Amino acid sequence: MSGIVFFLIPIAMLATAVILGVGIYSLAKGGSFNKKNGNKLMVWRVGAQAIAIALMMLFLALIGAK
């Protein structure tokens, strides 16, 4: 089980980084895309970040239980 979680952590971190990058780019560029999606991207980033942290905590709990 910890092996699966170990491989999901980088995926969650990459998703967080991609969402953050798109959000920063849209904020810097401005325009209608940022007005429509800026807040949504921030919420998605926080969600992806929470999933990544939860997976890290789960991984630490699994390897600590051995």
Protein backbone atom coordinates (compact mmCIF):
# COMPACT_ATOMS: atom_id res chain seq x y z
CA MET A 1 0.00 0.00 0.00
CA SER A 2 2.79 2.43 0.85
CA GLY A 3 4.30 1.82 -2.59
CA ILE A 4 1.15 3.07 -4.31
CA VAL A 5 1.01 6.14 -2.10
CA PHE A 6 4.73 6.74 -2.74
CA PHE A 7 4.03 7.01 -6.49
CA LEU A 8 0.91 9.16 -6.04
CA ILE A 9 2.77 11.84 -4.08
CA PRO A 10 4.84 13.16 -7.04
CA ILE A 11 1.74 13.14 -9.25
CA ALA A 12 -0.13 15.27 -6.71
CA MET A 13 2.86 17.58 -6.36
CA LEU A 14 3.15 17.95 -10.13
CA ALA A 15 -0.57 18.72 -10.41
CA THR A 16 -0.16 21.39 -7.73
CA ALA A 17 2.81 22.92 -9.55
CA VAL A 18 1.01 22.94 -12.90
CA ILE A 19 -2.10 24.58 -11.44
CA LEU A 20 0.10 27.13 -9.65
CA GLY A 21 1.98 27.87 -12.87
CA VAL A 22 -1.20 28.39 -14.86
CA GLY A 23 -2.56 30.62 -12.11
CA ILE A 24 0.58 32.77 -11.96
CA TYR A 25 0.68 33.04 -15.75
CA SER A 26 -2.97 34.08 -15.97
CA LEU A 27 -2.51 36.59 -13.15
CA ALA A 28 0.51 38.14 -14.88
CA LYS A 29 -1.21 38.25 -18.24
CA GLY A 30 -4.57 39.44 -16.92
CA GLY A 31 -7.54 39.65 -19.21
CA SER A 32 -10.80 37.78 -19.38
CA PHE A 33 -9.30 34.33 -18.66
CA ASN A 34 -7.95 35.55 -15.34
CA LYS A 35 -11.22 37.24 -14.43
CA LYS A 36 -13.21 34.08 -15.18
CA ASN A 37 -10.81 31.48 -13.78
CA GLY A 38 -8.42 33.15 -11.32
CA ASN A 39 -10.35 32.27 -8.18
CA LYS A 40 -11.19 28.78 -9.48
CA LEU A 41 -7.50 28.07 -10.11
CA MET A 42 -6.66 29.17 -6.58
CA VAL A 43 -9.28 26.81 -5.14
CA TRP A 44 -8.00 23.94 -7.30
CA ARG A 45 -4.42 24.62 -6.19
CA VAL A 46 -5.39 24.55 -2.53
CA GLY A 47 -7.27 21.30 -3.10
CA ALA A 48 -4.38 19.68 -4.96
CA GLN A 49 -1.98 20.87 -2.27
CA ALA A 50 -4.22 19.40 0.46
CA ILE A 51 -4.31 16.06 -1.36
CA ALA A 52 -0.51 16.06 -1.70
CA ILE A 53 -0.05 16.79 2.01
CA ALA A 54 -2.63 14.14 2.96
CA LEU A 55 -0.81 11.57 0.82
CA MET A 56 2.50 12.48 2.48
CA MET A 57 0.98 12.08 5.92
CA LEU A 58 -0.59 8.75 4.91
CA PHE A 59 2.76 7.55 3.56
CA LEU A 60 4.52 8.50 6.79
CA ALA A 61 1.85 6.74 8.83
CA LEU A 62 2.15 3.60 6.72
CA ILE A 63 5.93 3.37 6.92
CA GLY A 64 5.88 4.26 10.63
CA ALA A 65 3.44 1.42 11.38
CA LYS A 66 5.92 -1.24 10.17
